[in-house]
PDB file of N, CA and C in Angstrom:
ATOM      1  N   UNK A   1      37.845 -35.185  12.913  1.00  0.00           N
ATOM      2  CA  UNK A   1      37.399 -36.486  12.128  1.00  0.00           C
ATOM      3  C   UNK A   1      37.910 -37.766  11.755  1.00  0.00           C
ATOM      4  N   UNK A   2      39.703 -37.802  12.516  1.00  0.00           N
ATOM      5  CA  UNK A   2      40.036 -39.073  12.617  1.00  0.00           C
ATOM      6  C   UNK A   2      39.830 -39.868  14.071  1.00  0.00           C
ATOM      7  N   UNK A   3      39.350 -38.523  14.950  1.00  0.00           N
ATOM      8  CA  UNK A   3      38.982 -39.447  16.244  1.00  0.00           C
ATOM      9  C   UNK A   3      37.661 -39.515  15.967  1.00  0.00           C
ATOM     10  N   UNK A   4      36.760 -39.210  15.915  1.00  0.00           N
ATOM     11  CA  UNK A   4      35.773 -39.691  15.641  1.00  0.00           C
ATOM     12  C   UNK A   4      35.465 -41.308  15.074  1.00  0.00           C
ATOM     13  N   UNK A   5      36.280 -41.452  13.676  1.00  0.00           N
ATOM     14  CA  UNK A   5      36.192 -42.277  13.221  1.00  0.00           C
ATOM     15  C   UNK A   5      36.492 -43.679  14.159  1.00  0.00           C
ATOM     16  N   UNK A   6      37.658 -43.217  14.547  1.00  0.00           N
ATOM     17  CA  UNK A   6      38.567 -44.057  15.445  1.00  0.00           C
ATOM     18  C   UNK A   6      37.737 -44.497  16.688  1.00  0.00           C
ATOM     19  N   UNK A   7      36.882 -43.892  16.806  1.00  0.00           N
ATOM     20  CA  UNK A   7      36.244 -44.434  18.198  1.00  0.00           C
ATOM     21  C   UNK A   7      34.348 -44.973  17.886  1.00  0.00           C
ATOM     22  N   UNK A   8      34.670 -45.022  16.261  1.00  0.00           N
ATOM     23  CA  UNK A   8      33.351 -45.991  15.943  1.00  0.00           C
ATOM     24  C   UNK A   8      32.381 -45.123  15.311  1.00  0.00           C
ATOM     25  N   UNK A   9      32.687 -43.593  14.912  1.00  0.00           N
ATOM     26  CA  UNK A   9      31.698 -43.140  14.223  1.00  0.00           C
ATOM     27  C   UNK A   9      31.245 -43.760  12.679  1.00  0.00           C
ATOM     28  N   UNK A  10      30.307 -43.685  12.244  1.00  0.00           N
ATOM     29  CA  UNK A  10      29.515 -44.505  11.515  1.00  0.00           C
ATOM     30  C   UNK A  10      30.003 -43.512  10.233  1.00  0.00           C
ATOM     31  N   UNK A  11      31.236 -43.638   9.280  1.00  0.00           N
ATOM     32  CA  UNK A  11      31.899 -42.602   8.231  1.00  0.00           C
ATOM     33  C   UNK A  11      30.644 -42.881   6.655  1.00  0.00           C
ATOM     34  N   UNK A  12      29.637 -43.548   6.820  1.00  0.00           N
ATOM     35  CA  UNK A  12      28.321 -43.106   5.972  1.00  0.00           C
ATOM     36  C   UNK A  12      27.460 -42.776   6.488  1.00  0.00           C
ATOM     37  N   UNK A  13      27.054 -42.199   7.713  1.00  0.00           N
ATOM     38  CA  UNK A  13      25.716 -41.773   8.225  1.00  0.00           C
ATOM     39  C   UNK A  13      25.740 -40.464   7.658  1.00  0.00           C
ATOM     40  N   UNK A  14      24.360 -40.156   7.165  1.00  0.00           N
ATOM     41  CA  UNK A  14      23.399 -38.593   6.323  1.00  0.00           C
ATOM     42  C   UNK A  14      23.146 -38.240   7.666  1.00  0.00           C
ATOM     43  N   UNK A  15      22.833 -37.163   7.421  1.00  0.00           N
ATOM     44  CA  UNK A  15      22.382 -35.655   8.480  1.00  0.00           C
ATOM     45  C   UNK A  15      21.831 -34.773   7.610  1.00  0.00           C
ATOM     46  N   UNK A  16      21.353 -35.664   6.233  1.00  0.00           N
ATOM     47  CA  UNK A  16      20.342 -34.121   5.391  1.00  0.00           C
ATOM     48  C   UNK A  16      19.333 -35.193   5.266  1.00  0.00           C
ATOM     49  N   UNK A  17      18.383 -34.348   4.582  1.00  0.00           N
ATOM     50  CA  UNK A  17      17.017 -35.421   4.264  1.00  0.00           C
ATOM     51  C   UNK A  17      17.304 -35.612   2.722  1.00  0.00           C
ATOM     52  N   UNK A  18      18.362 -35.093   1.943  1.00  0.00           N
ATOM     53  CA  UNK A  18      18.453 -35.433   0.832  1.00  0.00           C
ATOM     54  C   UNK A  18      19.484 -36.801   0.446  1.00  0.00           C
ATOM     55  N   UNK A  19      20.077 -36.901   1.687  1.00  0.00           N
ATOM     56  CA  UNK A  19      20.955 -38.038   1.775  1.00  0.00           C
ATOM     57  C   UNK A  19      22.559 -37.919   1.754  1.00  0.00           C
ATOM     58  N   UNK A  20      22.915 -36.402   1.685  1.00  0.00           N
ATOM     59  CA  UNK A  20      24.308 -36.528   1.502  1.00  0.00           C
ATOM     60  C   UNK A  20      25.052 -37.116   2.798  1.00  0.00           C
ATOM     61  N   UNK A  21      26.037 -38.120   2.417  1.00  0.00           N
ATOM     62  CA  UNK A  21      27.062 -38.531   3.377  1.00  0.00           C
ATOM     63  C   UNK A  21      28.250 -37.570   3.691  1.00  0.00           C
ATOM     64  N   UNK A  22      28.871 -37.818   4.543  1.00  0.00           N
ATOM     65  CA  UNK A  22      29.956 -36.911   4.869  1.00  0.00           C
ATOM     66  C   UNK A  22      31.056 -36.633   3.679  1.00  0.00           C
ATOM     67  N   UNK A  23      31.134 -38.250   2.997  1.00  0.00           N
ATOM     68  CA  UNK A  23      31.757 -38.266   1.787  1.00  0.00           C
ATOM     69  C   UNK A  23      31.558 -37.505   0.804  1.00  0.00           C
ATOM     70  N   UNK A  24      30.211 -37.426   0.205  1.00  0.00           N
ATOM     71  CA  UNK A  24      29.636 -36.107  -0.419  1.00  0.00           C
ATOM     72  C   UNK A  24      30.009 -35.006  -0.266  1.00  0.00           C
ATOM     73  N   UNK A  25      29.524 -34.707   1.455  1.00  0.00           N
ATOM     74  CA  UNK A  25      30.021 -32.805   1.511  1.00  0.00           C
ATOM     75  C   UNK A  25      31.385 -32.960   1.372  1.00  0.00           C
ATOM     76  N   UNK A  26      32.085 -34.033   1.511  1.00  0.00           N
ATOM     77  CA  UNK A  26      33.859 -33.289   1.648  1.00  0.00           C
ATOM     78  C   UNK A  26      34.202 -33.189  -0.147  1.00  0.00           C
ATOM     79  N   UNK A  27      33.792 -34.320  -0.782  1.00  0.00           N
ATOM     80  CA  UNK A  27      34.067 -34.066  -2.000  1.00  0.00           C
ATOM     81  C   UNK A  27      33.276 -33.158  -2.973  1.00  0.00           C
ATOM     82  N   UNK A  28      31.926 -32.364  -2.215  1.00  0.00           N
ATOM     83  CA  UNK A  28      31.758 -31.089  -2.983  1.00  0.00           C
ATOM     84  C   UNK A  28      32.242 -30.010  -2.211  1.00  0.00           C
ATOM     85  N   UNK A  29      33.075 -29.828  -1.286  1.00  0.00           N
ATOM     86  CA  UNK A  29      33.971 -28.796  -1.087  1.00  0.00           C
ATOM     87  C   UNK A  29      35.780 -29.023  -1.237  1.00  0.00           C
ATOM     88  N   UNK A  30      35.475 -30.117  -2.006  1.00  0.00           N
ATOM     89  CA  UNK A  30      37.140 -30.390  -2.673  1.00  0.00           C
ATOM     90  C   UNK A  30      37.941 -30.981  -1.420  1.00  0.00           C
ATOM     91  N   UNK A  31      37.664 -31.211  -1.021  1.00  0.00           N
ATOM     92  CA  UNK A  31      38.532 -31.713   0.920  1.00  0.00           C
ATOM     93  C   UNK A  31      39.263 -33.293   0.473  1.00  0.00           C
ATOM     94  N   UNK A  32      40.160 -33.229  -0.164  1.00  0.00           N
ATOM     95  CA  UNK A  32      41.037 -34.917  -0.647  1.00  0.00           C
ATOM     96  C   UNK A  32      41.096 -35.241   0.824  1.00  0.00           C
ATOM     97  N   UNK A  33      41.692 -34.330   1.290  1.00  0.00           N
ATOM     98  CA  UNK A  33      42.250 -35.241   2.881  1.00  0.00           C
ATOM     99  C   UNK A  33      41.069 -35.977   3.602  1.00  0.00           C
ATOM    100  N   UNK A  34      40.046 -34.989   3.992  1.00  0.00           N
ATOM    101  CA  UNK A  34      38.727 -35.909   4.743  1.00  0.00           C
ATOM    102  C   UNK A  34      38.307 -36.699   3.796  1.00  0.00           C
ATOM    103  N   UNK A  35      38.059 -36.622   2.637  1.00  0.00           N
ATOM    104  CA  UNK A  35      37.571 -37.738   2.080  1.00  0.00           C
ATOM    105  C   UNK A  35      38.740 -38.876   2.002  1.00  0.00           C
ATOM    106  N   UNK A  36      39.963 -39.079   2.174  1.00  0.00           N
ATOM    107  CA  UNK A  36      40.715 -40.171   2.562  1.00  0.00           C
ATOM    108  C   UNK A  36      40.428 -40.757   3.880  1.00  0.00           C
ATOM    109  N   UNK A  37      40.401 -39.991   4.611  1.00  0.00           N
ATOM    110  CA  UNK A  37      40.253 -40.061   6.179  1.00  0.00           C
ATOM    111  C   UNK A  37      38.827 -41.130   6.103  1.00  0.00           C
ATOM    112  N   UNK A  38      37.642 -40.217   5.655  1.00  0.00           N
ATOM    113  CA  UNK A  38      36.330 -41.149   5.244  1.00  0.00           C
ATOM    114  C   UNK A  38      36.313 -42.541   4.910  1.00  0.00           C
ATOM    115  N   UNK A  39      37.192 -42.586   3.746  1.00  0.00           N
ATOM    116  CA  UNK A  39      37.523 -43.750   2.966  1.00  0.00           C
ATOM    117  C   UNK A  39      38.345 -44.862   3.747  1.00  0.00           C
ATOM    118  N   UNK A  40      39.213 -44.403   4.122  1.00  0.00           N
ATOM    119  CA  UNK A  40      40.310 -45.560   5.108  1.00  0.00           C
ATOM    120  C   UNK A  40      39.238 -45.716   6.212  1.00  0.00           C
ATOM    121  N   UNK A  41      38.427 -44.782   6.731  1.00  0.00           N
ATOM    122  CA  UNK A  41      37.343 -45.128   7.947  1.00  0.00           C
ATOM    123  C   UNK A  41      35.802 -46.148   7.134  1.00  0.00           C
ATOM    124  N   UNK A  42      35.847 -46.510   5.767  1.00  0.00           N
ATOM    125  CA  UNK A  42      35.270 -47.201   5.574  1.00  0.00           C
ATOM    126  C   UNK A  42      33.967 -46.858   5.102  1.00  0.00           C
ATOM    127  N   UNK A  43      33.597 -45.944   4.696  1.00  0.00           N
ATOM    128  CA  UNK A  43      32.971 -45.244   3.611  1.00  0.00           C
ATOM    129  C   UNK A  43      32.820 -45.772   2.656  1.00  0.00           C
ATOM    130  N   UNK A  44      31.525 -46.139   1.867  1.00  0.00           N
ATOM    131  CA  UNK A  44      31.227 -46.725   0.686  1.00  0.00           C
ATOM    132  C   UNK A  44      31.362 -45.441  -0.270  1.00  0.00           C
ATOM    133  N   UNK A  45      32.416 -45.648  -1.310  1.00  0.00           N
ATOM    134  CA  UNK A  45      33.026 -44.855  -2.165  1.00  0.00           C
ATOM    135  C   UNK A  45      32.155 -44.530  -3.138  1.00  0.00           C
ATOM    136  N   UNK A  46      31.236 -45.387  -3.438  1.00  0.00           N
ATOM    137  CA  UNK A  46      30.077 -45.613  -4.606  1.00  0.00           C
ATOM    138  C   UNK A  46      28.793 -45.451  -4.262  1.00  0.00           C
ATOM    139  N   UNK A  47      28.413 -44.687  -2.856  1.00  0.00           N
ATOM    140  CA  UNK A  47      27.038 -44.450  -2.600  1.00  0.00           C
ATOM    141  C   UNK A  47      26.691 -43.154  -3.160  1.00  0.00           C
ATOM    142  N   UNK A  48      25.485 -42.917  -3.405  1.00  0.00           N
ATOM    143  CA  UNK A  48      24.579 -41.852  -4.150  1.00  0.00           C
ATOM    144  C   UNK A  48      23.323 -41.450  -3.546  1.00  0.00           C
ATOM    145  N   UNK A  49      23.032 -40.030  -3.480  1.00  0.00           N
ATOM    146  CA  UNK A  49      22.493 -39.264  -2.606  1.00  0.00           C
ATOM    147  C   UNK A  49      20.704 -39.294  -2.953  1.00  0.00           C
ATOM    148  N   UNK A  50      19.991 -38.875  -2.910  1.00  0.00           N
ATOM    149  CA  UNK A  50      18.629 -39.360  -3.169  1.00  0.00           C
ATOM    150  C   UNK A  50      18.803 -38.453  -4.559  1.00  0.00           C
ATOM    151  N   UNK A  51      19.206 -37.702  -5.315  1.00  0.00           N
ATOM    152  CA  UNK A  51      19.672 -37.410  -6.915  1.00  0.00           C
ATOM    153  C   UNK A  51      20.022 -37.764  -7.441  1.00  0.00           C
ATOM    154  N   UNK A  52      20.912 -39.162  -6.779  1.00  0.00           N
ATOM    155  CA  UNK A  52      22.082 -40.345  -7.781  1.00  0.00           C
ATOM    156  C   UNK A  52      23.032 -39.747  -7.634  1.00  0.00           C
ATOM    157  N   UNK A  53      23.144 -38.170  -7.163  1.00  0.00           N
ATOM    158  CA  UNK A  53      24.726 -37.687  -7.067  1.00  0.00           C
ATOM    159  C   UNK A  53      25.815 -38.850  -6.244  1.00  0.00           C
ATOM    160  N   UNK A  54      27.111 -38.757  -6.899  1.00  0.00           N
ATOM    161  CA  UNK A  54      28.408 -39.401  -5.918  1.00  0.00           C
ATOM    162  C   UNK A  54      29.354 -38.839  -5.610  1.00  0.00           C
ATOM    163  N   UNK A  55      30.517 -39.112  -4.948  1.00  0.00           N
ATOM    164  CA  UNK A  55      31.401 -38.373  -4.848  1.00  0.00           C
ATOM    165  C   UNK A  55      32.158 -38.134  -6.038  1.00  0.00           C
ATOM    166  N   UNK A  56      32.380 -38.595  -6.791  1.00  0.00           N
ATOM    167  CA  UNK A  56      33.184 -38.346  -7.990  1.00  0.00           C
ATOM    168  C   UNK A  56      32.266 -37.505  -8.554  1.00  0.00           C
ATOM    169  N   UNK A  57      31.224 -37.317  -8.907  1.00  0.00           N
ATOM    170  CA  UNK A  57      30.520 -36.254  -9.801  1.00  0.00           C
ATOM    171  C   UNK A  57      30.754 -34.729  -8.939  1.00  0.00           C
ATOM    172  N   UNK A  58      30.603 -34.786  -7.548  1.00  0.00           N
ATOM    173  CA  UNK A  58      30.763 -33.494  -6.989  1.00  0.00           C
ATOM    174  C   UNK A  58      32.156 -32.826  -6.574  1.00  0.00           C
ATOM    175  N   UNK A  59      33.093 -34.174  -6.784  1.00  0.00           N
ATOM    176  CA  UNK A  59      34.328 -33.447  -7.049  1.00  0.00           C
ATOM    177  C   UNK A  59      35.043 -33.435  -8.429  1.00  0.00           C
ATOM    178  N   UNK A  60      34.168 -33.840  -9.541  1.00  0.00           N
ATOM    179  CA  UNK A  60      34.819 -33.545 -10.787  1.00  0.00           C
ATOM    180  C   UNK A  60      33.993 -32.266 -10.587  1.00  0.00           C
ATOM    181  N   UNK A  61      33.205 -31.226 -10.410  1.00  0.00           N
ATOM    182  CA  UNK A  61      32.057 -30.261 -10.337  1.00  0.00           C
ATOM    183  C   UNK A  61      32.820 -29.477  -9.441  1.00  0.00           C
ATOM    184  N   UNK A  62      33.484 -29.857  -8.403  1.00  0.00           N
ATOM    185  CA  UNK A  62      34.042 -28.706  -7.367  1.00  0.00           C
ATOM    186  C   UNK A  62      35.477 -28.677  -8.119  1.00  0.00           C
ATOM    187  N   UNK A  63      36.166 -29.328  -9.463  1.00  0.00           N
ATOM    188  CA  UNK A  63      37.385 -29.123 -10.089  1.00  0.00           C
ATOM    189  C   UNK A  63      38.669 -29.225  -8.938  1.00  0.00           C
ATOM    190  N   UNK A  64      38.526 -30.317  -8.336  1.00  0.00           N
ATOM    191  CA  UNK A  64      39.619 -31.008  -7.627  1.00  0.00           C
ATOM    192  C   UNK A  64      39.937 -32.732  -8.350  1.00  0.00           C
ATOM    193  N   UNK A  65      41.375 -32.261  -9.121  1.00  0.00           N
ATOM    194  CA  UNK A  65      42.096 -33.284  -9.376  1.00  0.00           C
ATOM    195  C   UNK A  65      42.531 -34.405  -8.844  1.00  0.00           C
ATOM    196  N   UNK A  66      42.801 -33.768  -7.656  1.00  0.00           N
ATOM    197  CA  UNK A  66      43.246 -34.793  -6.292  1.00  0.00           C
ATOM    198  C   UNK A  66      42.551 -35.585  -6.357  1.00  0.00           C
ATOM    199  N   UNK A  67      41.165 -35.250  -5.455  1.00  0.00           N
ATOM    200  CA  UNK A  67      40.100 -35.898  -5.113  1.00  0.00           C
ATOM    201  C   UNK A  67      39.562 -36.516  -6.461  1.00  0.00           C
ATOM    202  N   UNK A  68      39.683 -36.547  -7.553  1.00  0.00           N
ATOM    203  CA  UNK A  68      38.779 -37.280  -8.446  1.00  0.00           C
ATOM    204  C   UNK A  68      39.909 -38.586  -8.789  1.00  0.00           C
ATOM    205  N   UNK A  69      41.129 -38.198  -8.277  1.00  0.00           N
ATOM    206  CA  UNK A  69      42.242 -39.299  -8.686  1.00  0.00           C
ATOM    207  C   UNK A  69      42.147 -40.275  -7.740  1.00  0.00           C
ATOM    208  N   UNK A  70      41.904 -39.830  -6.124  1.00  0.00           N
ATOM    209  CA  UNK A  70      41.513 -40.580  -5.273  1.00  0.00           C
ATOM    210  C   UNK A  70      39.957 -41.188  -5.461  1.00  0.00           C
ATOM    211  N   UNK A  71      39.465 -40.463  -6.003  1.00  0.00           N
ATOM    212  CA  UNK A  71      37.908 -41.913  -6.030  1.00  0.00           C
ATOM    213  C   UNK A  71      38.001 -42.976  -6.894  1.00  0.00           C
ATOM    214  N   UNK A  72      38.642 -42.366  -8.032  1.00  0.00           N
ATOM    215  CA  UNK A  72      39.236 -43.171  -9.143  1.00  0.00           C
ATOM    216  C   UNK A  72      39.764 -44.380  -8.607  1.00  0.00           C
ATOM    217  N   UNK A  73      40.395 -44.038  -7.544  1.00  0.00           N
ATOM    218  CA  UNK A  73      41.762 -45.258  -7.382  1.00  0.00           C
ATOM    219  C   UNK A  73      41.113 -45.861  -6.003  1.00  0.00           C
ATOM    220  N   UNK A  74      39.918 -45.497  -5.192  1.00  0.00           N
ATOM    221  CA  UNK A  74      38.916 -46.024  -4.464  1.00  0.00           C
ATOM    222  C   UNK A  74      38.210 -46.750  -5.337  1.00  0.00           C
ATOM    223  N   UNK A  75      37.466 -46.930  -6.457  1.00  0.00           N
ATOM    224  CA  UNK A  75      36.713 -47.654  -7.122  1.00  0.00           C
ATOM    225  C   UNK A  75      35.432 -46.795  -7.086  1.00  0.00           C
ATOM    226  N   UNK A  76      35.226 -45.446  -7.125  1.00  0.00           N
ATOM    227  CA  UNK A  76      33.696 -45.273  -7.593  1.00  0.00           C
ATOM    228  C   UNK A  76      33.733 -45.221  -9.073  1.00  0.00           C
ATOM    229  N   UNK A  77      33.066 -45.771  -9.374  1.00  0.00           N
ATOM    230  CA  UNK A  77      32.509 -45.549 -11.093  1.00  0.00           C
ATOM    231  C   UNK A  77      32.479 -44.290 -12.010  1.00  0.00           C
ATOM    232  N   UNK A  78      33.165 -43.935 -13.068  1.00  0.00           N
ATOM    233  CA  UNK A  78      32.851 -43.145 -13.350  1.00  0.00           C
ATOM    234  C   UNK A  78      31.662 -42.848 -14.310  1.00  0.00           C
ATOM    235  N   UNK A  79      31.298 -43.918 -14.704  1.00  0.00           N
ATOM    236  CA  UNK A  79      30.044 -44.226 -15.370  1.00  0.00           C
ATOM    237  C   UNK A  79      28.705 -44.523 -14.579  1.00  0.00           C
ATOM    238  N   UNK A  80      28.452 -44.046 -13.461  1.00  0.00           N
ATOM    239  CA  UNK A  80      27.155 -43.915 -12.498  1.00  0.00           C
ATOM    240  C   UNK A  80      26.717 -42.835 -13.006  1.00  0.00           C
ATOM    241  N   UNK A  81      25.432 -42.836 -13.076  1.00  0.00           N
ATOM    242  CA  UNK A  81      24.560 -41.624 -13.793  1.00  0.00           C
ATOM    243  C   UNK A  81      24.099 -41.269 -12.212  1.00  0.00           C
ATOM    244  N   UNK A  82      23.268 -40.003 -12.559  1.00  0.00           N
ATOM    245  CA  UNK A  82      22.349 -39.440 -11.551  1.00  0.00           C
ATOM    246  C   UNK A  82      21.203 -39.535 -12.278  1.00  0.00           C
ATOM    247  N   UNK A  83      19.759 -38.967 -11.514  1.00  0.00           N
ATOM    248  CA  UNK A  83      18.660 -39.057 -12.055  1.00  0.00           C
ATOM    249  C   UNK A  83      18.264 -38.474 -13.158  1.00  0.00           C
ATOM    250  N   UNK A  84      19.415 -37.468 -13.564  1.00  0.00           N
ATOM    251  CA  UNK A  84      19.133 -36.641 -14.694  1.00  0.00           C
ATOM    252  C   UNK A  84      20.051 -37.440 -15.629  1.00  0.00           C
ATOM    253  N   UNK A  85      20.296 -38.580 -15.633  1.00  0.00           N
ATOM    254  CA  UNK A  85      21.229 -39.671 -16.664  1.00  0.00           C
ATOM    255  C   UNK A  85      22.449 -38.628 -16.968  1.00  0.00           C
ATOM    256  N   UNK A  86      23.144 -37.987 -15.919  1.00  0.00           N
ATOM    257  CA  UNK A  86      24.349 -37.630 -15.860  1.00  0.00           C
ATOM    258  C   UNK A  86      25.416 -38.306 -15.217  1.00  0.00           C
ATOM    259  N   UNK A  87      26.337 -37.923 -15.762  1.00  0.00           N
ATOM    260  CA  UNK A  87      27.780 -38.625 -15.039  1.00  0.00           C
ATOM    261  C   UNK A  87      29.261 -37.519 -14.741  1.00  0.00           C
ATOM    262  N   UNK A  88      29.614 -38.036 -13.806  1.00  0.00           N
ATOM    263  CA  UNK A  88      30.541 -37.238 -13.694  1.00  0.00           C
ATOM    264  C   UNK A  88      31.655 -36.107 -14.483  1.00  0.00           C
ATOM    265  N   UNK A  89      31.408 -36.823 -16.020  1.00  0.00           N
ATOM    266  CA  UNK A  89      31.971 -35.906 -16.918  1.00  0.00           C
ATOM    267  C   UNK A  89      31.268 -34.846 -17.227  1.00  0.00           C
ATOM    268  N   UNK A  90      30.035 -35.034 -17.109  1.00  0.00           N
ATOM    269  CA  UNK A  90      28.749 -34.091 -17.413  1.00  0.00           C
ATOM    270  C   UNK A  90      29.016 -32.959 -16.036  1.00  0.00           C
ATOM    271  N   UNK A  91      29.112 -33.637 -15.014  1.00  0.00           N
ATOM    272  CA  UNK A  91      29.195 -32.187 -13.519  1.00  0.00           C
ATOM    273  C   UNK A  91      30.866 -31.388 -13.929  1.00  0.00           C
ATOM    274  N   UNK A  92      31.759 -32.198 -14.591  1.00  0.00           N
ATOM    275  CA  UNK A  92      32.942 -31.344 -14.826  1.00  0.00           C
ATOM    276  C   UNK A  92      32.678 -30.358 -15.986  1.00  0.00           C
ATOM    277  N   UNK A  93      31.687 -30.762 -17.047  1.00  0.00           N
ATOM    278  CA  UNK A  93      32.004 -30.009 -18.401  1.00  0.00           C
ATOM    279  C   UNK A  93      30.985 -28.650 -17.743  1.00  0.00           C
ATOM    280  N   UNK A  94      29.840 -29.234 -16.942  1.00  0.00           N
ATOM    281  CA  UNK A  94      28.707 -27.941 -16.802  1.00  0.00           C
ATOM    282  C   UNK A  94      29.623 -26.807 -15.574  1.00  0.00           C
ATOM    283  N   UNK A  95      30.228 -27.242 -14.864  1.00  0.00           N
ATOM    284  CA  UNK A  95      31.067 -26.374 -13.913  1.00  0.00           C
ATOM    285  C   UNK A  95      31.877 -25.745 -14.898  1.00  0.00           C
ATOM    286  N   UNK A  96      32.829 -26.141 -16.144  1.00  0.00           N
ATOM    287  CA  UNK A  96      33.986 -25.467 -16.624  1.00  0.00           C
ATOM    288  C   UNK A  96      34.891 -26.242 -15.974  1.00  0.00           C
ATOM    289  N   UNK A  97      35.039 -27.046 -15.046  1.00  0.00           N
ATOM    290  CA  UNK A  97      36.502 -27.401 -15.088  1.00  0.00           C
ATOM    291  C   UNK A  97      37.214 -28.726 -15.965  1.00  0.00           C
ATOM    292  N   UNK A  98      37.877 -27.636 -16.778  1.00  0.00           N
ATOM    293  CA  UNK A  98      38.607 -28.708 -17.696  1.00  0.00           C
ATOM    294  C   UNK A  98      39.354 -29.851 -17.523  1.00  0.00           C
ATOM    295  N   UNK A  99      40.774 -29.585 -16.533  1.00  0.00           N
ATOM    296  CA  UNK A  99      41.054 -30.595 -15.541  1.00  0.00           C
ATOM    297  C   UNK A  99      40.721 -31.484 -15.112  1.00  0.00           C
ATOM    298  N   UNK A 100      39.540 -31.678 -14.358  1.00  0.00           N
ATOM    299  CA  UNK A 100      39.039 -33.093 -14.205  1.00  0.00           C
ATOM    300  C   UNK A 100      38.091 -33.306 -15.141  1.00  0.00           C
ATOM    301  N   UNK A 101      37.611 -33.011 -16.133  1.00  0.00           N
ATOM    302  CA  UNK A 101      37.063 -33.697 -17.367  1.00  0.00           C
ATOM    303  C   UNK A 101      37.969 -34.369 -18.058  1.00  0.00           C
ATOM    304  N   UNK A 102      39.389 -33.667 -18.506  1.00  0.00           N
ATOM    305  CA  UNK A 102      40.326 -34.568 -18.940  1.00  0.00           C
ATOM    306  C   UNK A 102      40.891 -35.667 -18.164  1.00  0.00           C
ATOM    307  N   UNK A 103      41.101 -35.712 -16.937  1.00  0.00           N
ATOM    308  CA  UNK A 103      41.343 -36.972 -16.046  1.00  0.00           C
ATOM    309  C   UNK A 103      40.173 -37.731 -16.480  1.00  0.00           C
ATOM    310  N   UNK A 104      39.022 -37.634 -16.222  1.00  0.00           N
ATOM    311  CA  UNK A 104      38.147 -38.335 -16.262  1.00  0.00           C
ATOM    312  C   UNK A 104      37.924 -39.524 -17.358  1.00  0.00           C
ATOM    313  N   UNK A 105      38.425 -38.421 -18.462  1.00  0.00           N
ATOM    314  CA  UNK A 105      38.785 -38.994 -20.249  1.00  0.00           C
ATOM    315  C   UNK A 105      39.484 -39.857 -19.577  1.00  0.00           C
ATOM    316  N   UNK A 106      41.021 -39.757 -19.623  1.00  0.00           N
ATOM    317  CA  UNK A 106      42.399 -40.711 -19.432  1.00  0.00           C
ATOM    318  C   UNK A 106      42.084 -41.492 -18.582  1.00  0.00           C
ATOM    319  N   UNK A 107      40.823 -41.868 -17.665  1.00  0.00           N
ATOM    320  CA  UNK A 107      40.368 -42.792 -17.067  1.00  0.00           C
ATOM    321  C   UNK A 107      40.000 -44.140 -17.409  1.00  0.00           C
ATOM    322  N   UNK A 108      39.146 -43.208 -18.814  1.00  0.00           N
ATOM    323  CA  UNK A 108      38.445 -44.349 -19.301  1.00  0.00           C
ATOM    324  C   UNK A 108      37.098 -44.105 -19.681  1.00  0.00           C
ATOM    325  N   UNK A 109      36.863 -42.938 -19.258  1.00  0.00           N
ATOM    326  CA  UNK A 109      35.445 -42.357 -19.317  1.00  0.00           C
ATOM    327  C   UNK A 109      35.210 -42.309 -20.477  1.00  0.00           C
ATOM    328  N   UNK A 110      33.756 -42.836 -21.194  1.00  0.00           N
ATOM    329  CA  UNK A 110      32.975 -42.600 -22.099  1.00  0.00           C
ATOM    330  C   UNK A 110      31.607 -42.227 -22.234  1.00  0.00           C
ATOM    331  N   UNK A 111      31.101 -41.286 -21.006  1.00  0.00           N
ATOM    332  CA  UNK A 111      29.803 -40.719 -20.692  1.00  0.00           C
ATOM    333  C   UNK A 111      30.318 -39.338 -20.673  1.00  0.00           C
ATOM    334  N   UNK A 112      29.066 -38.646 -20.922  1.00  0.00           N
ATOM    335  CA  UNK A 112      29.485 -37.070 -20.825  1.00  0.00           C
ATOM    336  C   UNK A 112      29.631 -36.340 -21.807  1.00  0.00           C
ATOM    337  N   UNK A 113      29.481 -34.947 -21.735  1.00  0.00           N
ATOM    338  CA  UNK A 113      29.273 -34.331 -23.020  1.00  0.00           C
ATOM    339  C   UNK A 113      31.245 -34.195 -23.673  1.00  0.00           C
ATOM    340  N   UNK A 114      31.869 -33.977 -22.566  1.00  0.00           N
ATOM    341  CA  UNK A 114      33.524 -34.235 -23.024  1.00  0.00           C
ATOM    342  C   UNK A 114      33.835 -35.680 -23.665  1.00  0.00           C
ATOM    343  N   UNK A 115      33.279 -36.718 -23.597  1.00  0.00           N
ATOM    344  CA  UNK A 115      33.611 -37.908 -24.176  1.00  0.00           C
ATOM    345  C   UNK A 115      32.229 -37.830 -25.583  1.00  0.00           C
ATOM    346  N   UNK A 116      31.490 -37.214 -25.453  1.00  0.00           N
ATOM    347  CA  UNK A 116      30.746 -37.039 -26.539  1.00  0.00           C
ATOM    348  C   UNK A 116      30.943 -36.304 -27.631  1.00  0.00           C
ATOM    349  N   UNK A 117      31.915 -35.410 -27.325  1.00  0.00           N
ATOM    350  CA  UNK A 117      32.229 -33.740 -27.988  1.00  0.00           C
ATOM    351  C   UNK A 117      30.827 -33.430 -28.617  1.00  0.00           C
ATOM    352  N   UNK A 118      30.077 -33.031 -27.413  1.00  0.00           N
ATOM    353  CA  UNK A 118      28.607 -32.354 -27.507  1.00  0.00           C
ATOM    354  C   UNK A 118      28.979 -30.703 -26.923  1.00  0.00           C
ATOM    355  N   UNK A 119      27.945 -29.931 -27.390  1.00  0.00           N
ATOM    356  CA  UNK A 119      27.994 -28.345 -27.500  1.00  0.00           C
ATOM    357  C   UNK A 119      28.347 -28.747 -25.930  1.00  0.00           C
ATOM    358  N   UNK A 120      29.000 -27.703 -25.276  1.00  0.00           N
ATOM    359  CA  UNK A 120      29.189 -27.359 -23.781  1.00  0.00           C
ATOM    360  C   UNK A 120      30.588 -27.955 -23.607  1.00  0.00           C
ATOM    361  N   UNK A 121      31.367 -28.251 -24.399  1.00  0.00           N
ATOM    362  CA  UNK A 121      32.775 -29.159 -23.896  1.00  0.00           C
ATOM    363  C   UNK A 121      33.606 -28.081 -23.697  1.00  0.00           C
ATOM    364  N   UNK A 122      34.188 -28.770 -22.863  1.00  0.00           N
ATOM    365  CA  UNK A 122      35.269 -27.810 -22.125  1.00  0.00           C
ATOM    366  C   UNK A 122      36.355 -28.107 -23.133  1.00  0.00           C
ATOM    367  N   UNK A 123      37.522 -26.740 -23.111  1.00  0.00           N
ATOM    368  CA  UNK A 123      38.933 -27.180 -23.868  1.00  0.00           C
ATOM    369  C   UNK A 123      39.930 -26.460 -23.776  1.00  0.00           C
TER     370      UNK A 123
END
């Protein structure tokens, strides 16, 4: 991947009809090293696919605390909403990812079931 980016590959290209960028795929799979390469290569950290999902939502769902921290540091907004009006905190809670939900709360997240203390909150 590093060689492709160095050769001028577009870090934001999408290959699927749902609009998933390479950064979203890396986040969904919990690949922090790949996400760092893509961000360093100019990938749009706040990019959202056709369903409104961003990398932070998918990393929170995957339970990758390192990747969540990386994406927060890169400026991905924790309060971005998908088309169902769910944020990264909702993704973490729905997937039972207590550590990533807590990390989002520590970063100041005020959206999502964990922040609202609603049913389904992980503890």
